Protein backbone atom coordinates (compact mmCIF):
# COMPACT_ATOMS: atom_id res chain seq x y z
CA MET A 1 1.18 12.51 -23.12
CA SER A 2 0.74 14.57 -19.96
CA ASP A 3 3.70 16.00 -18.09
CA ALA A 4 2.88 13.86 -15.06
CA ARG A 5 3.32 10.66 -17.10
CA LEU A 6 6.89 11.64 -17.82
CA ASN A 7 7.96 11.62 -14.20
CA TYR A 8 11.08 9.45 -14.26
CA LEU A 9 10.52 8.41 -10.64
CA GLY A 10 8.17 5.75 -11.99
CA TYR A 11 10.54 4.30 -14.61
CA THR A 12 11.62 0.71 -14.02
CA LYS A 13 15.01 -0.57 -15.11
CA ALA A 14 13.44 -2.16 -18.21
CA GLU A 15 11.75 1.12 -19.14
CA TRP A 16 15.01 3.01 -18.75
CA GLU A 17 16.83 0.49 -20.93
CA ALA A 18 14.15 0.79 -23.62
CA LEU A 19 14.31 4.59 -23.55
CA LEU A 20 18.10 4.66 -23.70
CA THR A 21 18.13 2.24 -26.63
CA GLU A 22 15.64 4.50 -28.42
CA LEU A 23 17.99 7.43 -27.83
CA GLY A 24 20.96 5.49 -29.23
CA GLU A 25 22.58 5.03 -25.82
CA LYS A 26 23.90 1.92 -24.11
CA PRO A 27 21.23 0.20 -21.95
CA TRP A 28 23.67 -0.23 -19.06
CA ARG A 29 23.45 3.50 -18.41
CA ALA A 30 20.08 2.75 -16.82
CA GLY A 31 21.94 1.75 -13.66
CA GLN A 32 23.84 5.04 -13.54
CA ILE A 33 20.69 7.12 -13.94
CA MET A 34 18.62 5.13 -11.44
CA LYS A 35 21.33 5.50 -8.79
CA TRP A 36 21.33 9.26 -9.27
CA ILE A 37 17.55 9.39 -8.86
CA HIS A 38 16.91 6.88 -6.08
CA HIS A 39 20.20 6.71 -4.17
CA ARG A 40 21.32 10.33 -4.38
CA TYR A 41 17.87 11.92 -4.67
CA MET A 42 18.82 13.85 -7.81
CA ASP A 43 16.22 16.42 -8.91
CA GLY A 44 18.01 18.01 -11.90
CA PHE A 45 19.81 16.34 -14.79
CA THR A 46 22.77 18.72 -14.63
CA GLU A 47 23.88 16.82 -11.53
CA MET A 48 24.44 13.61 -13.52
CA THR A 49 28.13 14.23 -14.16
CA ASP A 50 28.92 10.74 -15.47
CA ILE A 51 26.62 10.90 -18.49
CA SER A 52 26.96 13.10 -21.56
CA ARG A 53 25.54 16.58 -21.81
CA LYS A 54 23.61 15.52 -24.91
CA LEU A 55 21.83 12.72 -23.03
CA ARG A 56 21.07 14.98 -20.09
CA GLU A 57 19.45 17.48 -22.44
CA GLN A 58 17.44 14.76 -24.18
CA LEU A 59 16.14 13.44 -20.86
CA ALA A 60 15.23 16.93 -19.65
CA GLU A 61 13.27 17.55 -22.84
CA ARG A 62 11.20 14.40 -22.35
CA GLY A 63 10.43 14.56 -18.64
CA HIS A 64 11.48 15.41 -15.12
CA VAL A 65 12.15 13.96 -11.68
CA ARG A 66 9.51 15.32 -9.35
CA ASP A 67 8.49 14.28 -5.85
CA PRO A 68 4.84 14.62 -4.86
CA GLU A 69 4.23 18.05 -3.33
CA ILE A 70 4.10 17.99 0.48
CA ILE A 71 1.09 19.97 1.66
CA THR A 72 1.48 19.25 5.37
CA GLU A 73 3.66 17.12 7.64
CA ARG A 74 2.42 16.15 11.10
CA VAL A 75 4.28 14.33 13.85
CA SER A 76 2.50 12.31 16.52
CA VAL A 77 3.50 12.16 20.15
CA ASP A 78 4.57 8.55 19.52
CA GLY A 79 6.87 9.53 16.63
CA THR A 80 4.51 8.55 13.81
CA ARG A 81 4.70 10.95 10.86
CA LYS A 82 1.94 11.68 8.38
CA TRP A 83 2.39 13.56 5.13
CA LEU A 84 -0.46 15.02 3.10
CA MET A 85 0.69 15.15 -0.52
CA ARG A 86 -0.83 16.46 -3.73
CA SER A 87 -1.43 14.20 -6.73
CA ALA A 88 -1.42 15.06 -10.42
CA SER A 89 -5.22 15.08 -10.29
CA GLY A 90 -5.12 17.97 -7.82
CA SER A 91 -6.51 15.90 -4.94
CA ALA A 92 -4.50 15.05 -1.85
CA PHE A 93 -3.46 11.68 -0.45
CA GLU A 94 -1.74 10.58 2.73
CA THR A 95 1.41 8.63 3.61
CA VAL A 96 2.33 7.45 7.11
CA PHE A 97 5.66 6.44 8.66
CA ILE A 98 5.40 4.24 11.75
CA PRO A 99 8.61 3.92 13.83
CA GLU A 100 9.22 0.83 15.95
CA ASP A 101 12.18 -0.43 17.95
CA THR A 102 13.67 -2.61 15.21
CA ARG A 103 12.07 -1.27 12.03
CA GLY A 104 10.30 1.62 10.39
CA THR A 105 7.21 0.94 8.29
CA LEU A 106 5.97 3.26 5.56
CA CYS A 107 2.27 2.96 4.76
CA VAL A 108 1.88 4.00 1.12
CA SER A 109 -1.25 5.04 -0.80
CA SER A 110 -2.01 3.70 -4.28
CA GLN A 111 -5.13 5.73 -5.13
CA VAL A 112 -6.78 9.01 -4.20
CA GLY A 113 -9.80 7.77 -2.29
CA CYS A 114 -11.20 4.26 -2.74
CA ALA A 115 -14.16 2.76 -4.58
CA LEU A 116 -14.65 -0.32 -2.41
CA ASP A 117 -16.49 1.45 0.43
CA CYS A 118 -15.62 -0.96 3.26
CA SER A 119 -17.97 0.04 6.06
CA PHE A 120 -15.26 0.47 8.72
CA CYS A 121 -12.76 2.51 6.66
CA SER A 122 -12.86 6.30 6.47
CA THR A 123 -10.94 6.35 3.17
CA GLY A 124 -13.82 4.62 1.38
CA LYS A 125 -16.26 7.22 2.65
CA GLN A 126 -14.34 9.83 0.63
CA GLY A 127 -15.27 8.19 -2.66
CA PHE A 128 -12.80 7.64 -5.49
CA ASN A 129 -10.99 10.24 -7.56
CA SER A 130 -7.99 8.81 -9.39
CA ASN A 131 -5.19 6.27 -9.53
CA LEU A 132 -1.76 7.40 -8.44
CA LEU A 133 0.94 7.14 -11.09
CA ALA A 134 3.93 4.86 -10.51
CA GLY A 135 6.12 7.92 -9.86
CA GLU A 136 3.66 9.20 -7.25
CA ILE A 137 3.71 5.84 -5.46
CA VAL A 138 7.51 5.58 -5.51
CA GLY A 139 7.67 9.28 -4.70
CA GLN A 140 6.10 8.65 -1.31
CA LEU A 141 9.04 6.44 -0.37
CA ARG A 142 11.54 8.94 -1.76
CA VAL A 143 9.94 11.81 0.15
CA ALA A 144 9.84 9.83 3.40
CA ARG A 145 13.47 8.76 3.14
CA ARG A 146 14.64 12.28 2.39
CA ARG A 147 12.61 13.84 5.21
CA LEU A 148 13.70 11.21 7.74
CA GLU A 149 17.37 11.62 6.82
CA GLU A 150 17.01 15.37 7.34
CA ALA A 151 15.27 14.90 10.69
CA TYR A 152 17.53 12.05 11.88
CA PRO A 153 21.06 12.43 10.42
CA ASP A 154 22.17 9.51 12.62
CA ARG A 155 19.65 7.27 10.78
CA THR A 156 17.92 6.26 14.02
CA ARG A 157 14.66 6.50 12.07
CA ALA A 158 14.59 4.94 8.61
CA VAL A 159 12.21 3.11 6.29
CA THR A 160 12.88 -0.63 6.43
CA ASN A 161 9.43 -1.92 5.39
CA VAL A 162 6.81 -0.70 2.91
CA VAL A 163 3.14 -1.68 3.02
CA LEU A 164 0.66 -0.66 0.35
CA MET A 165 -2.09 -0.29 2.93
CA GLY A 166 -2.74 3.44 2.65
CA MET A 167 -5.52 5.02 0.64
CA GLY A 168 -6.94 2.91 -2.17
CA GLU A 169 -7.07 -0.69 -3.39
CA PRO A 170 -3.66 -1.48 -4.93
CA LEU A 171 -4.92 -4.18 -7.28
CA LEU A 172 -7.33 -1.75 -8.94
CA ASN A 173 -4.26 0.27 -9.97
CA PHE A 174 -2.30 -2.79 -10.99
CA ASP A 175 0.24 -1.58 -13.55
CA ASN A 176 1.34 1.48 -11.58
CA VAL A 177 1.59 -0.50 -8.34
CA ILE A 178 3.65 -3.29 -9.91
CA ALA A 179 6.06 -0.79 -11.48
CA ALA A 180 6.45 1.01 -8.15
CA VAL A 181 6.99 -2.22 -6.22
CA GLU A 182 9.60 -3.32 -8.76
CA ILE A 183 11.54 -0.08 -8.25
CA MET A 184 11.25 -0.35 -4.46
CA MET A 185 12.75 -3.87 -4.52
CA ASP A 186 15.38 -3.21 -7.21
CA ASP A 187 18.91 -2.65 -5.86
CA LEU A 188 19.16 0.24 -8.33
CA GLY A 189 16.06 1.67 -6.68
CA TYR A 190 15.59 1.27 -2.93
CA GLY A 191 16.77 -2.32 -2.43
CA ILE A 192 14.00 -3.31 -0.02
CA SER A 193 13.64 -7.08 0.39
CA LYS A 194 10.62 -8.78 -1.16
CA ARG A 195 9.81 -9.97 2.35
CA LYS A 196 9.50 -6.35 3.47
CA VAL A 197 7.34 -4.96 0.65
CA THR A 198 3.71 -5.94 1.18
CA ILE A 199 0.77 -5.48 -1.18
CA SER A 200 -2.53 -5.45 0.72
CA THR A 201 -5.81 -6.22 -1.02
CA SER A 202 -9.44 -6.33 0.01
CA GLY A 203 -9.90 -9.37 -2.21
CA VAL A 204 -9.66 -8.44 -5.89
CA VAL A 205 -9.33 -12.03 -7.10
CA PRO A 206 -8.42 -11.27 -10.75
CA GLY A 207 -5.68 -8.94 -9.51
CA ILE A 208 -4.17 -11.69 -7.34
CA GLU A 209 -4.30 -14.01 -10.36
CA LYS A 210 -2.17 -11.45 -12.22
CA LEU A 211 0.19 -11.13 -9.25
CA ILE A 212 1.02 -14.83 -9.52
CA LYS A 213 2.65 -14.16 -12.90
CA THR A 214 4.15 -10.80 -12.00
CA THR A 215 5.81 -10.56 -8.59
CA ASP A 216 6.77 -12.38 -5.39
CA ALA A 217 6.30 -9.43 -3.05
CA SER A 218 4.59 -10.22 0.23
CA LEU A 219 0.79 -10.29 0.24
CA ALA A 220 -1.79 -9.38 2.86
CA ILE A 221 -5.54 -9.89 2.53
CA SER A 222 -8.09 -7.77 4.37
CA LEU A 223 -10.48 -10.48 5.54
CA HIS A 224 -12.25 -8.91 8.55
CA ALA A 225 -14.97 -11.57 8.79
CA PRO A 226 -15.07 -15.38 9.17
CA ASN A 227 -18.09 -15.96 6.89
CA ASP A 228 -19.55 -14.57 3.67
CA GLU A 229 -22.71 -13.17 5.22
CA LEU A 230 -20.83 -10.86 7.58
CA ARG A 231 -18.08 -10.05 5.08
CA ASN A 232 -20.67 -8.98 2.49
CA THR A 233 -21.63 -6.22 4.93
CA LEU A 234 -18.14 -5.16 5.99
CA VAL A 235 -16.30 -5.65 2.66
CA PRO A 236 -18.83 -5.31 -0.21
CA ILE A 237 -16.44 -6.69 -2.86
CA ASN A 238 -17.02 -10.07 -1.18
CA LYS A 239 -20.35 -10.25 -3.02
CA LYS A 240 -18.38 -10.54 -6.25
CA TYR A 241 -15.43 -12.56 -4.95
CA PRO A 242 -16.50 -14.61 -1.89
CA ILE A 243 -14.12 -15.98 0.71
CA ALA A 244 -13.66 -19.41 -0.92
CA GLN A 245 -12.46 -17.84 -4.18
CA LEU A 246 -10.18 -15.47 -2.29
CA LEU A 247 -8.51 -18.18 -0.23
CA ASP A 248 -8.11 -20.40 -3.29
CA VAL A 249 -6.22 -17.80 -5.33
CA CYS A 250 -4.15 -16.79 -2.28
CA THR A 251 -3.16 -20.41 -1.74
CA ARG A 252 -1.86 -20.51 -5.31
CA TYR A 253 -0.01 -17.20 -4.84
CA ALA A 254 1.60 -18.51 -1.65
CA ARG A 255 3.26 -21.29 -3.66
CA ASN A 256 5.47 -18.59 -5.22
CA LEU A 257 6.73 -17.43 -1.85
CA GLY A 258 8.62 -20.51 -0.65
CA GLU A 259 8.15 -22.60 2.48
CA LYS A 260 9.23 -19.97 5.00
CA ARG A 261 6.94 -17.18 3.74
CA THR A 262 3.21 -16.96 4.34
CA ILE A 263 0.36 -14.62 3.55
CA THR A 264 -0.86 -12.23 6.24
CA VAL A 265 -4.56 -12.16 7.10
CA GLU A 266 -5.69 -8.73 8.32
CA TYR A 267 -8.72 -8.78 10.61
CA THR A 268 -10.16 -5.54 12.02
CA LEU A 269 -11.95 -6.21 15.30
CA ILE A 270 -15.15 -4.17 15.75
CA ASP A 271 -17.02 -4.14 19.03
CA GLY A 272 -20.00 -6.49 18.96
CA ILE A 273 -19.73 -7.04 15.21
CA ASN A 274 -16.95 -9.56 14.55
CA ASP A 275 -15.05 -9.83 17.84
CA GLN A 276 -17.03 -12.49 19.68
CA PRO A 277 -15.84 -16.01 20.67
CA GLU A 278 -17.98 -17.59 17.94
CA HIS A 279 -16.24 -15.41 15.34
CA ALA A 280 -12.83 -16.55 16.55
CA ALA A 281 -13.95 -20.18 16.38
CA GLN A 282 -15.29 -19.70 12.84
CA LEU A 283 -12.08 -17.99 11.75
CA ALA A 284 -9.95 -20.80 13.16
CA THR A 285 -11.99 -23.34 11.21
CA LEU A 286 -12.00 -21.26 8.02
CA LEU A 287 -8.21 -20.94 7.91
CA LYS A 288 -7.27 -24.44 9.09
CA ASP A 289 -5.89 -25.46 5.68
CA PHE A 290 -4.52 -22.00 4.81
CA PRO A 291 -0.98 -21.37 6.14
CA CYS A 292 -0.92 -17.75 7.26
CA LYS A 293 -0.12 -15.19 9.90
CA ILE A 294 -3.04 -13.31 11.44
CA ASN A 295 -2.84 -9.62 12.29
CA LEU A 296 -5.65 -8.36 14.51
CA ILE A 297 -6.41 -4.65 14.22
CA PRO A 298 -8.62 -3.00 16.86
CA PHE A 299 -11.01 -0.68 15.05
CA ASN A 300 -10.02 3.00 15.03
CA PRO A 301 -13.18 5.15 15.30
CA PHE A 302 -13.96 8.02 12.94
CA PRO A 303 -17.00 10.32 12.76
CA GLY A 304 -20.09 8.71 11.29
CA SER A 305 -18.81 5.14 11.26
CA GLY A 306 -21.36 3.85 13.76
CA TYR A 307 -18.78 1.35 15.05
CA LYS A 308 -16.85 1.19 18.32
CA ARG A 309 -13.39 0.05 19.30
CA PRO A 310 -13.49 -3.44 20.88
CA HIS A 311 -12.78 -3.88 24.56
CA ASN A 312 -9.23 -5.00 25.33
CA ILE A 313 -10.49 -8.15 27.03
CA ASN A 314 -12.27 -9.15 23.82
CA VAL A 315 -9.16 -8.45 21.72
CA ARG A 316 -6.97 -10.60 23.97
CA GLY A 317 -9.62 -13.32 24.17
CA PHE A 318 -9.90 -13.41 20.38
CA GLN A 319 -6.14 -13.65 20.06
CA ASP A 320 -5.86 -16.38 22.69
CA ARG A 321 -8.46 -18.56 20.98
CA LEU A 322 -6.60 -18.36 17.68
CA VAL A 323 -3.22 -19.02 19.33
CA ARG A 324 -4.65 -22.10 21.03
CA ALA A 325 -5.84 -23.25 17.60
CA GLY A 326 -2.23 -23.12 16.42
CA TYR A 327 -2.04 -19.77 14.60
CA SER A 328 0.65 -17.10 14.75
CA VAL A 329 -1.30 -14.01 15.83
CA THR A 330 -0.24 -10.42 16.46
CA VAL A 331 -2.29 -7.46 17.62
CA ARG A 332 -1.47 -4.24 15.82
CA THR A 333 -0.66 -1.42 18.20
CA THR A 334 -2.59 1.73 17.40
CA ARG A 335 -0.13 4.44 16.38
CA GLY A 336 -0.57 8.07 15.34
CA GLU A 337 -4.16 8.30 16.47
CA ASP A 338 -3.70 11.88 17.64
CA ILE A 339 -2.95 12.93 14.04
CA ASN A 340 -5.55 10.60 12.43
CA ALA A 341 -2.79 8.39 11.04
CA ALA A 342 -4.04 5.07 12.45
CA CYS A 343 -5.22 2.19 10.29
CA GLY A 344 -8.52 3.04 8.57
CA GLN A 345 -8.32 6.75 9.37
CA LEU A 346 -6.61 8.06 6.20
CA VAL A 347 -8.87 10.35 4.20
CA GLY A 348 -6.77 12.90 2.31
CA GLU A 349 -8.71 15.59 0.47
CA VAL A 350 -10.57 13.93 -2.39
CA ALA A 351 -11.84 16.41 -4.97
CA ASP A 352 -14.99 15.65 -6.99
CA LYS A 353 -15.59 12.52 -4.93
CA THR A 354 -19.16 11.81 -6.05
CA ARG A 355 -18.73 12.05 -9.82
CA ARG A 356 -16.44 9.06 -10.06
CA GLN A 357 -17.42 6.99 -7.05
CA GLU A 358 -20.26 4.96 -8.58
CA LYS A 359 -18.38 4.35 -11.83
CA TYR A 360 -15.36 2.85 -10.08
CA LYS A 361 -17.45 0.95 -7.57
CA ARG A 362 -19.01 -0.85 -10.54
CA ILE A 363 -15.56 -1.55 -11.97
CA ALA A 364 -14.38 -2.88 -8.61
CA THR A 365 -17.32 -5.26 -8.25
CA GLY A 366 -17.38 -6.34 -11.88
CA THR A 367 -20.79 -4.80 -12.66
CA ALA A 368 -19.64 -2.07 -15.06
CA SER A 369 -21.40 -2.09 -18.41
């Protein structure tokens, strides 16, 4: 087993209890250890003064507590922060903190690169390198909280919400993502409400099927088109899992959430591509039996995309048509654009991006041999 796999940041409560039982210790000590790691940001076992020296030595022999390495930290003029961090694979991935008046949202990566190659997303153009381990996913939250507490001792900036909308497709790294989400929501971890931890997917239907049996975290789907023909172009995984299948499985997932919680539909507006009145009308019809919130995202340009940001009048017109149809619709404010931290702009530094890209694209679309 590699050293990276023994990073205790990714251990859930159940995994801690199993390990402690194996070591002849009481399972309830899992709570003590998790509080040291996630509440007090412990890095060395010698600091755990309420457990025995023998146990501390045993834990140190088996693994470590290690945050992802920060390569760079950039701060936007609007207060957005972006960290470039190094993964166990040697490649780099990005994490973004977005401050708002009443909350602070951390956009977390789940993979280095992405195999799905959505045409409007710069991350996909980097190819795919590797999955992030559970400890590397949780580590992004731990790093952000520590850095923000250092920068803002008065806690005027803090992480209140987590969205797995950074680099990668979370449901193609299912086990690591679920473990990380469990730790984020556990009171012994970071105690973030299930309403405020959101898993975003481009439409990996089998992954959503597994989510139904695994978690009740919030869910967002990256739709971006009101019909299969257009979505096949923008989101290629739609060729494998078309819109009808996606909405069906999401409807079943929503039953786990209770009456007051709904799924979020993400829709990136691209000038002249999917932002016209007829697209809004089609979207309103498509979602008429699908309780949801709609989040409109004006496209953020990047070199070589071939797409343009929509005109503001088209964005507002699109929103107004959906609101008149009875939907709750928000328009995402572009943040951190001056440091390339806006939605769809995360690229990291993906090493060896061509060797693995085709292999994982086949896995993602179900065409692997």
